[in-house]
Amino acid sequence: MRDLIFAIAIITLSVLLTATILLQQRGSGLGATFGGDGNVFRTKRGLEKVLFYATIALAVIFLATAVLNLLLV
């Protein structure tokens, strides 16, 4: 039963983590080289900031869940 709970938790967290990563705005990386945005530094605001912190939180929770799953098996 515990294995099923961990499996569901890991699958759910991985889907949420993937969604938050994909929802984030693309960086200017190589885009600036080909005429894109030339901003070197810009602060995150609003929803972008919330997504950034949510991604970090979900990654930490996912890692902790995976490690707990390994230790308790």
Protein backbone atom coordinates (compact mmCIF):
# COMPACT_ATOMS: atom_id res chain seq x y z
CA MET A 1 0.00 0.00 0.00
CA ARG A 2 2.85 2.37 0.88
CA ASP A 3 4.50 1.69 -2.50
CA LEU A 4 1.29 2.67 -4.29
CA ILE A 5 1.08 5.94 -2.35
CA PHE A 6 4.69 6.80 -3.18
CA ALA A 7 4.17 5.90 -6.84
CA ILE A 8 1.11 8.14 -7.11
CA ALA A 9 2.90 10.97 -5.30
CA ILE A 10 5.97 10.76 -7.54
CA ILE A 11 3.89 10.65 -10.72
CA THR A 12 1.78 13.61 -9.60
CA LEU A 13 4.82 15.63 -8.58
CA SER A 14 6.61 14.88 -11.85
CA VAL A 15 3.61 16.05 -13.90
CA LEU A 16 3.31 19.24 -11.83
CA LEU A 17 7.05 19.89 -12.03
CA THR A 18 7.04 19.41 -15.80
CA ALA A 19 4.07 21.76 -16.16
CA THR A 20 5.70 24.52 -14.11
CA ILE A 21 8.92 24.22 -16.10
CA LEU A 22 7.08 24.39 -19.42
CA LEU A 23 4.94 27.35 -18.33
CA GLN A 24 7.96 29.50 -17.57
CA GLN A 25 8.87 32.11 -20.13
CA ARG A 26 11.80 31.23 -22.35
CA GLY A 27 15.08 32.95 -21.50
CA SER A 28 16.89 35.18 -23.96
CA GLY A 29 19.89 32.80 -24.14
CA LEU A 30 20.86 32.56 -27.81
CA GLY A 31 17.84 34.63 -28.85
CA ALA A 32 19.77 37.83 -28.12
CA THR A 33 22.42 36.77 -30.61
CA PHE A 34 19.89 36.67 -33.44
CA GLY A 35 18.19 39.98 -32.75
CA GLY A 36 16.11 39.02 -29.74
CA ASP A 37 15.86 40.76 -26.41
CA GLY A 38 19.15 42.28 -25.33
CA ASN A 39 18.35 42.51 -21.61
CA VAL A 40 21.20 41.16 -19.55
CA PHE A 41 19.39 41.22 -16.20
CA ARG A 42 15.72 41.53 -15.46
CA THR A 43 13.74 40.85 -12.31
CA LYS A 44 10.95 38.33 -12.14
CA ARG A 45 7.53 39.76 -11.32
CA GLY A 46 4.03 38.48 -10.72
CA LEU A 47 3.16 35.07 -12.08
CA GLU A 48 6.69 34.53 -13.40
CA LYS A 49 8.05 34.83 -9.86
CA VAL A 50 5.38 32.49 -8.47
CA LEU A 51 6.17 29.89 -11.15
CA PHE A 52 9.88 30.20 -10.42
CA TYR A 53 9.43 29.55 -6.68
CA ALA A 54 6.83 26.82 -7.33
CA THR A 55 9.31 25.04 -9.59
CA ILE A 56 11.98 25.12 -6.89
CA ALA A 57 9.54 23.92 -4.22
CA LEU A 58 8.21 21.10 -6.41
CA ALA A 59 11.74 19.99 -7.29
CA VAL A 60 12.71 19.81 -3.60
CA ILE A 61 9.52 17.93 -2.68
CA PHE A 62 10.00 15.55 -5.62
CA LEU A 63 13.59 14.83 -4.59
CA ALA A 64 12.61 14.30 -0.95
CA THR A 65 9.79 11.94 -1.95
CA ALA A 66 12.11 9.94 -4.22
CA VAL A 67 14.75 9.62 -1.50
CA LEU A 68 12.13 8.60 1.09
CA ASN A 69 10.84 6.01 -1.33
CA LEU A 70 14.33 4.55 -1.68
CA LEU A 71 15.01 4.55 2.05
CA LEU A 72 11.70 2.97 3.06
CA VAL A 73 11.68 0.16 0.50
